[in-house]
């Protein structure tokens, strides 16, 4: 029950903040933001897709989906490519 509560709370945290303004409080502190490829804001549906299944897939392949950021010309991880998003510096 505690794990389920933790999952629901983290889901709400990441999806709400990312869908609402493109930034979680941590991203606000680092002055970075998640946007769509065309520069528009994320919807809650796209934020949910990026944060849950796309990040899950990035992580289960030995974290290679996250390491792609270091080697990609556009600095996108697998989850960003799947969700058609970028992380920009403000």
PDB file of N, CA and C in Angstrom:
ATOM      1  N   UNK A   1       0.825  -1.189   0.000  1.00  0.00           N
ATOM      2  CA  UNK A   1       0.000   0.000   0.000  1.00  0.00           C
ATOM      3  C   UNK A   1       0.873   1.259   0.000  1.00  0.00           C
ATOM      4  N   UNK A   2       1.973   1.221   0.747  1.00  0.00           N
ATOM      5  CA  UNK A   2       2.886   2.362   0.811  1.00  0.00           C
ATOM      6  C   UNK A   2       3.551   2.579  -0.545  1.00  0.00           C
ATOM      7  N   UNK A   3       3.951   1.508  -1.211  1.00  0.00           N
ATOM      8  CA  UNK A   3       4.564   1.632  -2.537  1.00  0.00           C
ATOM      9  C   UNK A   3       3.578   2.198  -3.550  1.00  0.00           C
ATOM     10  N   UNK A   4       2.361   1.764  -3.486  1.00  0.00           N
ATOM     11  CA  UNK A   4       1.342   2.270  -4.394  1.00  0.00           C
ATOM     12  C   UNK A   4       1.125   3.764  -4.156  1.00  0.00           C
ATOM     13  N   UNK A   5       1.055   4.164  -2.905  1.00  0.00           N
ATOM     14  CA  UNK A   5       0.911   5.582  -2.575  1.00  0.00           C
ATOM     15  C   UNK A   5       2.103   6.384  -3.096  1.00  0.00           C
ATOM     16  N   UNK A   6       3.303   5.854  -2.926  1.00  0.00           N
ATOM     17  CA  UNK A   6       4.506   6.522  -3.417  1.00  0.00           C
ATOM     18  C   UNK A   6       4.503   6.655  -4.933  1.00  0.00           C
ATOM     19  N   UNK A   7       4.076   5.604  -5.622  1.00  0.00           N
ATOM     20  CA  UNK A   7       4.000   5.652  -7.083  1.00  0.00           C
ATOM     21  C   UNK A   7       2.990   6.700  -7.535  1.00  0.00           C
ATOM     22  N   UNK A   8       1.811   6.700  -6.941  1.00  0.00           N
ATOM     23  CA  UNK A   8       0.769   7.657  -7.320  1.00  0.00           C
ATOM     24  C   UNK A   8       1.224   9.087  -7.031  1.00  0.00           C
ATOM     25  N   UNK A   9       1.849   9.305  -5.889  1.00  0.00           N
ATOM     26  CA  UNK A   9       2.326  10.632  -5.538  1.00  0.00           C
ATOM     27  C   UNK A   9       3.404  11.116  -6.507  1.00  0.00           C
ATOM     28  N   UNK A  10       4.362  10.263  -6.855  1.00  0.00           N
ATOM     29  CA  UNK A  10       5.407  10.677  -7.790  1.00  0.00           C
ATOM     30  C   UNK A  10       4.840  10.874  -9.190  1.00  0.00           C
ATOM     31  N   UNK A  11       3.878  10.048  -9.596  1.00  0.00           N
ATOM     32  CA  UNK A  11       3.224  10.218 -10.895  1.00  0.00           C
ATOM     33  C   UNK A  11       2.551  11.580 -10.968  1.00  0.00           C
ATOM     34  N   UNK A  12       1.802  11.911  -9.929  1.00  0.00           N
ATOM     35  CA  UNK A  12       1.106  13.203  -9.898  1.00  0.00           C
ATOM     36  C   UNK A  12       2.108  14.348  -9.907  1.00  0.00           C
ATOM     37  N   UNK A  13       3.166  14.246  -9.125  1.00  0.00           N
ATOM     38  CA  UNK A  13       4.193  15.288  -9.042  1.00  0.00           C
ATOM     39  C   UNK A  13       4.814  15.565 -10.409  1.00  0.00           C
ATOM     40  N   UNK A  14       5.354  14.524 -11.049  1.00  0.00           N
ATOM     41  CA  UNK A  14       6.051  14.716 -12.317  1.00  0.00           C
ATOM     42  C   UNK A  14       5.102  15.117 -13.445  1.00  0.00           C
ATOM     43  N   UNK A  15       3.988  14.449 -13.552  1.00  0.00           N
ATOM     44  CA  UNK A  15       3.059  14.741 -14.644  1.00  0.00           C
ATOM     45  C   UNK A  15       2.406  16.107 -14.457  1.00  0.00           C
ATOM     46  N   UNK A  16       1.978  16.428 -13.255  1.00  0.00           N
ATOM     47  CA  UNK A  16       1.335  17.717 -13.024  1.00  0.00           C
ATOM     48  C   UNK A  16       2.280  18.869 -13.348  1.00  0.00           C
ATOM     49  N   UNK A  17       3.461  18.880 -12.731  1.00  0.00           N
ATOM     50  CA  UNK A  17       4.369  19.999 -12.940  1.00  0.00           C
ATOM     51  C   UNK A  17       4.875  20.074 -14.379  1.00  0.00           C
ATOM     52  N   UNK A  18       5.214  18.940 -14.966  1.00  0.00           N
ATOM     53  CA  UNK A  18       5.707  18.948 -16.341  1.00  0.00           C
ATOM     54  C   UNK A  18       4.607  19.364 -17.306  1.00  0.00           C
ATOM     55  N   UNK A  19       3.390  18.903 -17.085  1.00  0.00           N
ATOM     56  CA  UNK A  19       2.278  19.288 -17.945  1.00  0.00           C
ATOM     57  C   UNK A  19       1.817  20.714 -17.725  1.00  0.00           C
ATOM     58  N   UNK A  20       1.925  21.201 -16.502  1.00  0.00           N
ATOM     59  CA  UNK A  20       1.444  22.543 -16.165  1.00  0.00           C
ATOM     60  C   UNK A  20       2.362  23.637 -16.707  1.00  0.00           C
ATOM     61  N   UNK A  21       3.658  23.520 -16.434  1.00  0.00           N
ATOM     62  CA  UNK A  21       4.570  24.596 -16.853  1.00  0.00           C
ATOM     63  C   UNK A  21       5.865  24.090 -17.475  1.00  0.00           C
ATOM     64  N   UNK A  22       5.984  22.765 -17.679  1.00  0.00           N
ATOM     65  CA  UNK A  22       7.196  22.223 -18.294  1.00  0.00           C
ATOM     66  C   UNK A  22       8.352  22.061 -17.335  1.00  0.00           C
ATOM     67  N   UNK A  23       8.128  22.334 -16.060  1.00  0.00           N
ATOM     68  CA  UNK A  23       9.199  22.278 -15.077  1.00  0.00           C
ATOM     69  C   UNK A  23       8.705  21.730 -13.753  1.00  0.00           C
ATOM     70  N   UNK A  24       9.472  20.840 -13.167  1.00  0.00           N
ATOM     71  CA  UNK A  24       9.263  20.464 -11.779  1.00  0.00           C
ATOM     72  C   UNK A  24      10.030  21.492 -10.934  1.00  0.00           C
ATOM     73  N   UNK A  25       9.821  21.535  -9.637  1.00  0.00           N
ATOM     74  CA  UNK A  25      10.608  22.462  -8.822  1.00  0.00           C
ATOM     75  C   UNK A  25      12.123  22.258  -8.975  1.00  0.00           C
ATOM     76  N   UNK A  26      12.556  21.024  -9.164  1.00  0.00           N
ATOM     77  CA  UNK A  26      13.982  20.769  -9.398  1.00  0.00           C
ATOM     78  C   UNK A  26      14.465  21.365 -10.704  1.00  0.00           C
ATOM     79  N   UNK A  27      13.666  21.239 -11.749  1.00  0.00           N
ATOM     80  CA  UNK A  27      14.017  21.845 -13.039  1.00  0.00           C
ATOM     81  C   UNK A  27      14.000  23.369 -12.933  1.00  0.00           C
ATOM     82  N   UNK A  28      13.081  23.914 -12.130  1.00  0.00           N
ATOM     83  CA  UNK A  28      13.050  25.364 -11.924  1.00  0.00           C
ATOM     84  C   UNK A  28      14.347  25.836 -11.278  1.00  0.00           C
ATOM     85  N   UNK A  29      14.829  25.091 -10.292  1.00  0.00           N
ATOM     86  CA  UNK A  29      16.068  25.458  -9.605  1.00  0.00           C
ATOM     87  C   UNK A  29      17.268  25.391 -10.551  1.00  0.00           C
ATOM     88  N   UNK A  30      17.252  24.430 -11.463  1.00  0.00           N
ATOM     89  CA  UNK A  30      18.345  24.290 -12.426  1.00  0.00           C
ATOM     90  C   UNK A  30      18.144  25.153 -13.670  1.00  0.00           C
ATOM     91  N   UNK A  31      17.006  25.826 -13.745  1.00  0.00           N
ATOM     92  CA  UNK A  31      16.658  26.695 -14.861  1.00  0.00           C
ATOM     93  C   UNK A  31      16.655  25.945 -16.196  1.00  0.00           C
ATOM     94  N   UNK A  32      15.976  24.782 -16.200  1.00  0.00           N
ATOM     95  CA  UNK A  32      15.758  24.023 -17.420  1.00  0.00           C
ATOM     96  C   UNK A  32      14.266  23.771 -17.571  1.00  0.00           C
ATOM     97  N   UNK A  33      13.843  23.498 -18.799  1.00  0.00           N
ATOM     98  CA  UNK A  33      12.426  23.328 -19.072  1.00  0.00           C
ATOM     99  C   UNK A  33      12.237  22.306 -20.179  1.00  0.00           C
ATOM    100  N   UNK A  34      11.149  21.554 -20.116  1.00  0.00           N
ATOM    101  CA  UNK A  34      10.800  20.584 -21.144  1.00  0.00           C
ATOM    102  C   UNK A  34       9.784  21.233 -22.080  1.00  0.00           C
ATOM    103  N   UNK A  35      10.088  21.198 -23.380  1.00  0.00           N
ATOM    104  CA  UNK A  35       9.177  21.751 -24.379  1.00  0.00           C
ATOM    105  C   UNK A  35       9.003  20.739 -25.506  1.00  0.00           C
ATOM    106  N   UNK A  36       8.004  20.964 -26.343  1.00  0.00           N
ATOM    107  CA  UNK A  36       7.808  20.133 -27.532  1.00  0.00           C
ATOM    108  C   UNK A  36       8.819  20.544 -28.589  1.00  0.00           C
ATOM    109  N   UNK A  37       8.987  19.700 -29.565  1.00  0.00           N
ATOM    110  CA  UNK A  37       9.965  19.955 -30.618  1.00  0.00           C
ATOM    111  C   UNK A  37       9.686  21.270 -31.354  1.00  0.00           C
ATOM    112  N   UNK A  38       8.422  21.634 -31.498  1.00  0.00           N
ATOM    113  CA  UNK A  38       8.077  22.870 -32.204  1.00  0.00           C
ATOM    114  C   UNK A  38       8.116  24.101 -31.290  1.00  0.00           C
ATOM    115  N   UNK A  39       8.516  23.927 -30.042  1.00  0.00           N
ATOM    116  CA  UNK A  39       8.650  25.039 -29.108  1.00  0.00           C
ATOM    117  C   UNK A  39       7.429  25.301 -28.251  1.00  0.00           C
ATOM    118  N   UNK A  40       6.358  24.568 -28.486  1.00  0.00           N
ATOM    119  CA  UNK A  40       5.139  24.778 -27.700  1.00  0.00           C
ATOM    120  C   UNK A  40       5.209  24.025 -26.369  1.00  0.00           C
ATOM    121  N   UNK A  41       4.264  24.333 -25.508  1.00  0.00           N
ATOM    122  CA  UNK A  41       4.203  23.701 -24.186  1.00  0.00           C
ATOM    123  C   UNK A  41       3.678  22.271 -24.297  1.00  0.00           C
ATOM    124  N   UNK A  42       3.997  21.459 -23.299  1.00  0.00           N
ATOM    125  CA  UNK A  42       3.524  20.078 -23.248  1.00  0.00           C
ATOM    126  C   UNK A  42       2.093  20.021 -22.749  1.00  0.00           C
ATOM    127  N   UNK A  43       1.364  19.051 -23.232  1.00  0.00           N
ATOM    128  CA  UNK A  43       0.046  18.754 -22.673  1.00  0.00           C
ATOM    129  C   UNK A  43       0.250  17.774 -21.526  1.00  0.00           C
ATOM    130  N   UNK A  44      -0.790  17.585 -20.731  1.00  0.00           N
ATOM    131  CA  UNK A  44      -0.692  16.608 -19.639  1.00  0.00           C
ATOM    132  C   UNK A  44      -0.524  15.196 -20.186  1.00  0.00           C
ATOM    133  N   UNK A  45      -1.165  14.905 -21.301  1.00  0.00           N
ATOM    134  CA  UNK A  45      -1.028  13.574 -21.900  1.00  0.00           C
ATOM    135  C   UNK A  45       0.384  13.297 -22.361  1.00  0.00           C
ATOM    136  N   UNK A  46       1.016  14.261 -23.021  1.00  0.00           N
ATOM    137  CA  UNK A  46       2.391  14.085 -23.485  1.00  0.00           C
ATOM    138  C   UNK A  46       3.342  14.026 -22.293  1.00  0.00           C
ATOM    139  N   UNK A  47       3.077  14.827 -21.266  1.00  0.00           N
ATOM    140  CA  UNK A  47       3.906  14.790 -20.063  1.00  0.00           C
ATOM    141  C   UNK A  47       3.796  13.423 -19.393  1.00  0.00           C
ATOM    142  N   UNK A  48       2.583  12.873 -19.327  1.00  0.00           N
ATOM    143  CA  UNK A  48       2.383  11.548 -18.728  1.00  0.00           C
ATOM    144  C   UNK A  48       3.110  10.488 -19.536  1.00  0.00           C
ATOM    145  N   UNK A  49       3.043  10.572 -20.860  1.00  0.00           N
ATOM    146  CA  UNK A  49       3.741   9.602 -21.710  1.00  0.00           C
ATOM    147  C   UNK A  49       5.254   9.701 -21.528  1.00  0.00           C
ATOM    148  N   UNK A  50       5.786  10.914 -21.476  1.00  0.00           N
ATOM    149  CA  UNK A  50       7.234  11.105 -21.318  1.00  0.00           C
ATOM    150  C   UNK A  50       7.715  10.612 -19.960  1.00  0.00           C
ATOM    151  N   UNK A  51       6.962  10.915 -18.920  1.00  0.00           N
ATOM    152  CA  UNK A  51       7.407  10.624 -17.562  1.00  0.00           C
ATOM    153  C   UNK A  51       7.230   9.170 -17.134  1.00  0.00           C
ATOM    154  N   UNK A  52       6.267   8.457 -17.695  1.00  0.00           N
ATOM    155  CA  UNK A  52       6.028   7.096 -17.198  1.00  0.00           C
ATOM    156  C   UNK A  52       6.524   6.035 -18.184  1.00  0.00           C
ATOM    157  N   UNK A  53       5.829   5.756 -19.276  1.00  0.00           N
ATOM    158  CA  UNK A  53       6.313   4.643 -20.103  1.00  0.00           C
ATOM    159  C   UNK A  53       7.620   4.946 -20.834  1.00  0.00           C
ATOM    160  N   UNK A  54       7.806   6.177 -21.306  1.00  0.00           N
ATOM    161  CA  UNK A  54       9.026   6.478 -22.054  1.00  0.00           C
ATOM    162  C   UNK A  54      10.261   6.435 -21.152  1.00  0.00           C
ATOM    163  N   UNK A  55      10.166   6.981 -19.949  1.00  0.00           N
ATOM    164  CA  UNK A  55      11.305   6.918 -19.024  1.00  0.00           C
ATOM    165  C   UNK A  55      11.531   5.496 -18.514  1.00  0.00           C
ATOM    166  N   UNK A  56      10.469   4.731 -18.377  1.00  0.00           N
ATOM    167  CA  UNK A  56      10.612   3.327 -17.988  1.00  0.00           C
ATOM    168  C   UNK A  56      11.425   2.579 -19.042  1.00  0.00           C
ATOM    169  N   UNK A  57      11.095   2.782 -20.302  1.00  0.00           N
ATOM    170  CA  UNK A  57      11.820   2.121 -21.385  1.00  0.00           C
ATOM    171  C   UNK A  57      13.265   2.604 -21.432  1.00  0.00           C
ATOM    172  N   UNK A  58      13.496   3.890 -21.212  1.00  0.00           N
ATOM    173  CA  UNK A  58      14.869   4.418 -21.187  1.00  0.00           C
ATOM    174  C   UNK A  58      15.702   3.757 -20.095  1.00  0.00           C
ATOM    175  N   UNK A  59      15.071   3.450 -18.994  1.00  0.00           N
ATOM    176  CA  UNK A  59      15.792   2.873 -17.866  1.00  0.00           C
ATOM    177  C   UNK A  59      16.004   1.379 -17.931  1.00  0.00           C
ATOM    178  N   UNK A  60      15.079   0.631 -18.538  1.00  0.00           N
ATOM    179  CA  UNK A  60      15.199  -0.827 -18.508  1.00  0.00           C
ATOM    180  C   UNK A  60      16.251  -1.355 -19.474  1.00  0.00           C
ATOM    181  N   UNK A  61      16.673  -0.551 -20.411  1.00  0.00           N
ATOM    182  CA  UNK A  61      17.694  -0.998 -21.361  1.00  0.00           C
ATOM    183  C   UNK A  61      19.069  -0.601 -20.816  1.00  0.00           C
ATOM    184  N   UNK A  62      19.349  -0.968 -19.585  1.00  0.00           N
ATOM    185  CA  UNK A  62      20.606  -0.671 -18.904  1.00  0.00           C
ATOM    186  C   UNK A  62      20.890   0.830 -18.821  1.00  0.00           C
ATOM    187  N   UNK A  63      19.849   1.641 -18.840  1.00  0.00           N
ATOM    188  CA  UNK A  63      20.012   3.085 -18.748  1.00  0.00           C
ATOM    189  C   UNK A  63      20.528   3.735 -20.011  1.00  0.00           C
ATOM    190  N   UNK A  64      20.612   2.974 -21.089  1.00  0.00           N
ATOM    191  CA  UNK A  64      21.146   3.521 -22.340  1.00  0.00           C
ATOM    192  C   UNK A  64      20.279   4.658 -22.857  1.00  0.00           C
ATOM    193  N   UNK A  65      18.980   4.597 -22.616  1.00  0.00           N
ATOM    194  CA  UNK A  65      18.100   5.672 -23.049  1.00  0.00           C
ATOM    195  C   UNK A  65      18.463   7.012 -22.437  1.00  0.00           C
ATOM    196  N   UNK A  66      18.979   6.997 -21.207  1.00  0.00           N
ATOM    197  CA  UNK A  66      19.431   8.230 -20.563  1.00  0.00           C
ATOM    198  C   UNK A  66      20.822   8.629 -21.046  1.00  0.00           C
ATOM    199  N   UNK A  67      21.680   7.648 -21.298  1.00  0.00           N
ATOM    200  CA  UNK A  67      23.040   7.928 -21.763  1.00  0.00           C
ATOM    201  C   UNK A  67      23.073   8.501 -23.171  1.00  0.00           C
ATOM    202  N   UNK A  68      22.004   8.303 -23.922  1.00  0.00           N
ATOM    203  CA  UNK A  68      21.933   8.850 -25.279  1.00  0.00           C
ATOM    204  C   UNK A  68      22.131  10.366 -25.280  1.00  0.00           C
ATOM    205  N   UNK A  69      21.761  11.025 -24.205  1.00  0.00           N
ATOM    206  CA  UNK A  69      21.886  12.483 -24.111  1.00  0.00           C
ATOM    207  C   UNK A  69      23.337  12.905 -24.322  1.00  0.00           C
ATOM    208  N   UNK A  70      24.275  12.157 -23.783  1.00  0.00           N
ATOM    209  CA  UNK A  70      25.690  12.513 -23.880  1.00  0.00           C
ATOM    210  C   UNK A  70      26.231  12.379 -25.299  1.00  0.00           C
ATOM    211  N   UNK A  71      25.638  11.511 -26.093  1.00  0.00           N
ATOM    212  CA  UNK A  71      26.184  11.224 -27.420  1.00  0.00           C
ATOM    213  C   UNK A  71      25.313  11.718 -28.571  1.00  0.00           C
ATOM    214  N   UNK A  72      24.150  12.239 -28.278  1.00  0.00           N
ATOM    215  CA  UNK A  72      23.229  12.686 -29.311  1.00  0.00           C
ATOM    216  C   UNK A  72      23.522  14.138 -29.692  1.00  0.00           C
ATOM    217  N   UNK A  73      23.482  14.445 -30.990  1.00  0.00           N
ATOM    218  CA  UNK A  73      23.733  15.813 -31.448  1.00  0.00           C
ATOM    219  C   UNK A  73      22.704  16.794 -30.901  1.00  0.00           C
ATOM    220  N   UNK A  74      21.467  16.359 -30.774  1.00  0.00           N
ATOM    221  CA  UNK A  74      20.399  17.230 -30.290  1.00  0.00           C
ATOM    222  C   UNK A  74      20.198  17.126 -28.779  1.00  0.00           C
ATOM    223  N   UNK A  75      21.024  16.326 -28.113  1.00  0.00           N
ATOM    224  CA  UNK A  75      20.981  16.138 -26.656  1.00  0.00           C
ATOM    225  C   UNK A  75      19.625  15.634 -26.180  1.00  0.00           C
ATOM    226  N   UNK A  76      19.075  14.665 -26.892  1.00  0.00           N
ATOM    227  CA  UNK A  76      17.803  14.062 -26.503  1.00  0.00           C
ATOM    228  C   UNK A  76      18.048  12.644 -26.005  1.00  0.00           C
ATOM    229  N   UNK A  77      17.382  12.302 -24.915  1.00  0.00           N
ATOM    230  CA  UNK A  77      17.373  10.930 -24.461  1.00  0.00           C
ATOM    231  C   UNK A  77      16.297  10.168 -25.224  1.00  0.00           C
ATOM    232  N   UNK A  78      16.257   8.862 -25.035  1.00  0.00           N
ATOM    233  CA  UNK A  78      15.258   8.041 -25.712  1.00  0.00           C
ATOM    234  C   UNK A  78      13.852   8.502 -25.349  1.00  0.00           C
ATOM    235  N   UNK A  79      13.626   8.816 -24.079  1.00  0.00           N
ATOM    236  CA  UNK A  79      12.300   9.269 -23.643  1.00  0.00           C
ATOM    237  C   UNK A  79      11.907  10.587 -24.312  1.00  0.00           C
ATOM    238  N   UNK A  80      12.883  11.471 -24.564  1.00  0.00           N
ATOM    239  CA  UNK A  80      12.578  12.723 -25.270  1.00  0.00           C
ATOM    240  C   UNK A  80      12.262  12.462 -26.740  1.00  0.00           C
ATOM    241  N   UNK A  81      12.983  11.556 -27.347  1.00  0.00           N
ATOM    242  CA  UNK A  81      12.697  11.212 -28.749  1.00  0.00           C
ATOM    243  C   UNK A  81      11.313  10.582 -28.879  1.00  0.00           C
ATOM    244  N   UNK A  82      10.973   9.706 -27.947  1.00  0.00           N
ATOM    245  CA  UNK A  82       9.670   9.042 -27.991  1.00  0.00           C
ATOM    246  C   UNK A  82       8.528  10.037 -27.800  1.00  0.00           C
ATOM    247  N   UNK A  83       8.728  11.012 -26.928  1.00  0.00           N
ATOM    248  CA  UNK A  83       7.667  11.975 -26.614  1.00  0.00           C
ATOM    249  C   UNK A  83       7.753  13.233 -27.477  1.00  0.00           C
ATOM    250  N   UNK A  84       8.759  13.304 -28.361  1.00  0.00           N
ATOM    251  CA  UNK A  84       8.924  14.460 -29.247  1.00  0.00           C
ATOM    252  C   UNK A  84       9.122  15.734 -28.427  1.00  0.00           C
ATOM    253  N   UNK A  85      10.065  15.680 -27.464  1.00  0.00           N
ATOM    254  CA  UNK A  85      10.334  16.811 -26.581  1.00  0.00           C
ATOM    255  C   UNK A  85      11.824  17.134 -26.540  1.00  0.00           C
ATOM    256  N   UNK A  86      12.125  18.307 -26.049  1.00  0.00           N
ATOM    257  CA  UNK A  86      13.491  18.762 -25.775  1.00  0.00           C
ATOM    258  C   UNK A  86      13.544  19.311 -24.366  1.00  0.00           C
ATOM    259  N   UNK A  87      14.734  19.272 -23.773  1.00  0.00           N
ATOM    260  CA  UNK A  87      14.989  19.970 -22.510  1.00  0.00           C
ATOM    261  C   UNK A  87      15.874  21.143 -22.863  1.00  0.00           C
ATOM    262  N   UNK A  88      15.401  22.347 -22.540  1.00  0.00           N
ATOM    263  CA  UNK A  88      16.168  23.549 -22.869  1.00  0.00           C
ATOM    264  C   UNK A  88      16.618  24.252 -21.607  1.00  0.00           C
ATOM    265  N   UNK A  89      17.702  25.014 -21.744  1.00  0.00           N
ATOM    266  CA  UNK A  89      18.197  25.838 -20.653  1.00  0.00           C
ATOM    267  C   UNK A  89      17.603  27.221 -20.768  1.00  0.00           C
ATOM    268  N   UNK A  90      17.108  27.752 -19.666  1.00  0.00           N
ATOM    269  CA  UNK A  90      16.491  29.089 -19.674  1.00  0.00           C
ATOM    270  C   UNK A  90      17.519  30.167 -19.397  1.00  0.00           C
TER     271      UNK A  90
END
